[in-house]
Protein backbone atom coordinates (compact mmCIF):
# COMPACT_ATOMS: atom_id res chain seq x y z
CA UNK A 1 -0.11 0.42 -0.03
CA UNK A 2 1.19 3.02 -0.97
CA UNK A 3 1.60 6.60 0.77
CA UNK A 4 -1.05 8.06 -0.20
CA UNK A 5 -3.64 5.12 0.46
CA UNK A 6 -2.58 5.43 3.74
CA UNK A 7 -2.61 8.63 4.71
CA UNK A 8 -6.36 8.98 2.61
CA UNK A 9 -7.26 6.30 5.16
CA UNK A 10 -5.82 7.58 8.27
CA UNK A 11 -7.43 10.94 7.63
CA UNK A 12 -11.23 8.64 7.12
CA UNK A 13 -10.92 6.82 9.84
CA UNK A 14 -8.13 7.57 12.21
CA UNK A 15 -7.30 6.22 14.86
CA UNK A 16 -8.87 2.93 13.83
CA UNK A 17 -6.55 3.18 11.14
CA UNK A 18 -3.81 2.72 12.65
CA UNK A 19 -5.20 0.02 14.30
CA UNK A 20 -6.25 -2.28 12.35
CA UNK A 21 -3.03 -1.35 9.73
CA UNK A 22 -0.84 -1.44 12.66
CA UNK A 23 -2.62 -4.99 13.68
CA UNK A 24 -2.09 -6.53 9.91
CA UNK A 25 0.97 -5.00 9.39
CA UNK A 26 3.49 -8.36 7.75
CA UNK A 27 7.09 -5.72 7.07
CA UNK A 28 8.21 -5.22 10.82
CA UNK A 29 8.11 -1.61 9.82
CA UNK A 30 4.75 1.09 11.58
CA UNK A 31 4.06 2.94 8.32
CA UNK A 32 0.12 3.67 9.69
CA UNK A 33 1.61 4.90 12.48
CA UNK A 34 4.43 6.88 10.54
CA UNK A 35 2.21 8.12 8.35
CA UNK A 36 -0.82 8.40 10.40
CA UNK A 37 0.97 11.30 11.96
CA UNK A 38 1.55 13.53 9.61
CA UNK A 39 -2.67 13.52 8.78
CA UNK A 40 -3.30 13.87 13.05
CA UNK A 41 -1.21 17.07 12.48
CA UNK A 42 -2.85 17.90 9.14
CA UNK A 43 -6.35 17.15 10.84
CA UNK A 44 -6.40 18.01 14.74
CA UNK A 45 -6.17 14.56 15.74
CA UNK A 46 -4.65 13.96 19.44
CA UNK A 47 -1.75 11.93 18.28
CA UNK A 48 -1.78 10.22 21.27
CA UNK A 49 -4.44 8.33 20.38
CA UNK A 50 -2.98 6.92 17.17
CA UNK A 51 0.06 6.03 19.89
CA UNK A 52 -2.41 3.67 21.81
CA UNK A 53 -4.12 2.66 18.49
CA UNK A 54 -0.19 1.46 17.36
CA UNK A 55 0.85 -0.04 20.17
CA UNK A 56 -2.36 -2.28 20.59
CA UNK A 57 -2.55 -2.73 17.10
CA UNK A 58 0.85 -3.93 16.81
CA UNK A 59 0.65 -6.58 20.39
CA UNK A 60 -2.57 -8.28 19.14
CA UNK A 61 -0.74 -8.53 15.45
CA UNK A 62 1.89 -10.53 17.40
CA UNK A 63 0.17 -12.31 20.09
CA UNK A 64 -1.35 -13.36 17.38
CA UNK A 65 0.87 -14.42 15.52
CA UNK A 66 2.46 -16.47 18.57
CA UNK A 67 -0.23 -17.86 18.64
CA UNK A 68 -0.71 -19.55 15.27
CA UNK A 69 2.94 -20.81 15.74
CA UNK A 70 1.81 -22.35 19.56
CA UNK A 71 -1.41 -23.81 18.64
CA UNK A 72 -0.88 -24.77 14.67
CA UNK A 73 2.32 -25.12 13.97
CA UNK A 74 5.77 -27.06 14.52
CA UNK A 75 9.39 -25.63 14.02
CA UNK A 76 10.18 -28.89 11.52
CA UNK A 77 7.38 -27.52 9.97
CA UNK A 78 7.90 -24.08 10.17
CA UNK A 79 11.03 -23.81 8.41
CA UNK A 80 11.03 -27.16 6.16
CA UNK A 81 7.56 -26.84 4.97
CA UNK A 82 5.82 -24.77 2.73
CA UNK A 83 6.26 -21.02 4.51
CA UNK A 84 9.82 -21.61 5.38
CA UNK A 85 9.95 -22.74 0.88
CA UNK A 86 7.94 -18.39 0.53
CA UNK A 87 10.05 -16.99 3.66
CA UNK A 88 13.69 -19.04 4.33
CA UNK A 89 15.74 -16.08 3.86
CA UNK A 90 13.55 -14.14 6.77
CA UNK A 91 13.26 -17.25 8.60
CA UNK A 92 16.84 -18.19 8.74
CA UNK A 93 17.77 -15.25 10.82
CA UNK A 94 14.54 -14.91 12.83
CA UNK A 95 15.39 -18.82 13.66
CA UNK A 96 19.77 -18.45 14.03
CA UNK A 97 18.52 -15.00 16.38
CA UNK A 98 16.45 -17.14 18.28
CA UNK A 99 19.18 -19.93 18.99
CA UNK A 100 21.29 -17.40 20.17
CA UNK A 101 19.60 -14.47 21.98
CA UNK A 102 16.03 -16.55 22.82
CA UNK A 103 13.13 -13.91 24.41
CA UNK A 104 15.32 -10.90 23.96
CA UNK A 105 15.19 -11.64 19.72
CA UNK A 106 10.91 -10.60 20.35
CA UNK A 107 11.84 -7.24 21.88
CA UNK A 108 14.99 -6.12 19.52
CA UNK A 109 14.16 -7.39 16.44
CA UNK A 110 10.90 -5.65 16.13
CA UNK A 111 13.62 -2.90 15.39
CA UNK A 112 14.38 -4.78 11.65
CA UNK A 113 12.43 -5.03 9.50
CA UNK A 114 10.88 -8.26 8.45
CA UNK A 115 12.93 -9.55 11.36
CA UNK A 116 10.68 -8.70 13.92
CA UNK A 117 7.41 -10.41 12.38
CA UNK A 118 8.82 -13.82 12.16
CA UNK A 119 10.14 -13.96 15.70
CA UNK A 120 6.82 -14.10 16.99
CA UNK A 121 5.81 -17.20 15.04
CA UNK A 122 9.06 -19.12 15.71
CA UNK A 123 8.59 -18.22 19.70
CA UNK A 124 5.48 -20.35 19.17
CA UNK A 125 6.57 -23.50 17.02
CA UNK A 126 8.97 -23.26 20.40
CA UNK A 127 6.51 -23.36 22.60
CA UNK A 128 8.15 -20.61 24.32
CA UNK A 129 6.06 -18.84 27.68
CA UNK A 130 3.05 -16.79 26.59
CA UNK A 131 3.55 -15.14 30.07
CA UNK A 132 7.35 -13.95 28.99
CA UNK A 133 6.90 -14.12 25.17
CA UNK A 134 3.56 -11.67 25.85
CA UNK A 135 6.16 -9.65 28.13
CA UNK A 136 8.20 -9.47 25.46
CA UNK A 137 5.81 -8.28 22.65
CA UNK A 138 4.56 -5.30 24.57
CA UNK A 139 8.16 -4.24 25.63
CA UNK A 140 9.76 -4.15 22.39
CA UNK A 141 6.04 -2.10 20.92
CA UNK A 142 6.13 0.53 23.45
CA UNK A 143 9.98 0.72 23.15
CA UNK A 144 9.26 0.95 19.52
CA UNK A 145 6.60 2.96 18.93
CA UNK A 146 7.32 5.88 20.94
CA UNK A 147 10.93 6.02 19.53
CA UNK A 148 8.45 6.46 16.46
CA UNK A 149 5.64 9.42 18.05
CA UNK A 150 8.39 10.85 19.22
CA UNK A 151 10.27 11.05 15.23
CA UNK A 152 7.33 12.21 13.87
CA UNK A 153 5.50 14.25 16.55
CA UNK A 154 8.86 16.53 16.41
CA UNK A 155 9.11 16.96 12.58
CA UNK A 156 5.11 17.10 11.77
CA UNK A 157 5.09 19.62 14.80
CA UNK A 158 7.33 22.24 12.84
CA UNK A 159 4.95 22.16 9.88
CA UNK A 160 1.52 21.60 11.20
CA UNK A 161 0.38 24.26 10.49
CA UNK A 162 1.43 23.67 6.20
CA UNK A 163 -0.72 21.01 5.21
CA UNK A 164 0.88 21.08 1.96
CA UNK A 165 4.50 20.71 3.59
CA UNK A 166 2.68 17.75 6.04
CA UNK A 167 1.96 15.75 2.94
CA UNK A 168 5.62 16.12 1.33
CA UNK A 169 7.33 15.46 4.55
CA UNK A 170 4.88 12.16 4.90
CA UNK A 171 5.39 11.07 1.40
CA UNK A 172 8.86 11.36 2.11
CA UNK A 173 9.23 9.89 5.37
CA UNK A 174 7.22 6.58 4.04
CA UNK A 175 9.42 6.64 0.57
CA UNK A 176 12.38 5.87 3.08
CA UNK A 177 10.54 3.37 4.95
CA UNK A 178 9.43 1.71 1.75
CA UNK A 179 13.39 1.91 0.66
CA UNK A 180 14.61 0.68 3.68
CA UNK A 181 11.66 -2.46 3.87
CA UNK A 182 13.09 -2.61 0.07
CA UNK A 183 16.99 -3.32 1.13
CA UNK A 184 16.15 -5.10 4.34
CA UNK A 185 14.21 -7.59 1.65
CA UNK A 186 17.03 -7.32 -0.86
CA UNK A 187 19.70 -8.07 1.90
CA UNK A 188 17.84 -11.60 3.54
CA UNK A 189 17.57 -12.85 -0.43
CA UNK A 190 21.07 -12.81 -0.01
CA UNK A 191 21.30 -15.14 2.73
CA UNK A 192 22.32 -18.45 3.04
CA UNK A 193 20.33 -21.51 3.23
CA UNK A 194 19.56 -22.63 6.94
CA UNK A 195 19.74 -25.68 8.95
CA UNK A 196 17.68 -27.04 12.03
CA UNK A 197 19.30 -27.29 14.69
């Protein structure tokens, strides 16, 4: 989804668009939230509402992903099955990080495109504790969204009186995030094959 469509959705539906977008996001970069902050400043929406919506949405999405991994998948099925073949480079990095860092991967993996979205699935397939995993998901979500909130709020406050400039800056930031995703995707594609240990 491009920046204009995200801006239009947030303009029309406010925090609900950010909530749904953050829940369904599969990239690991809170683009709905960041672009939404631009819309909030140009329309007078309280940005704190978008922050709460983004945190709740990302937690719900990741806990749901964890539950799918825990109750419907095994580690071998994820890594070697159809899912593993489709997302092999991403799962390779996530699997190795989980082996080395365990539950901390869920907290800090959130700061990496794509990786943060597969670690809850892997955590579920490893049958890691519900409580510890949910705590890690909540902690990572709150930290990341708060950092993005401070960044976006600072940028958009400067130009809040000029809706056209807000839209331009939204487009620049959104394009920058998409470039990060593109680079991350290419880097992951260059990873070697995966082995289960």
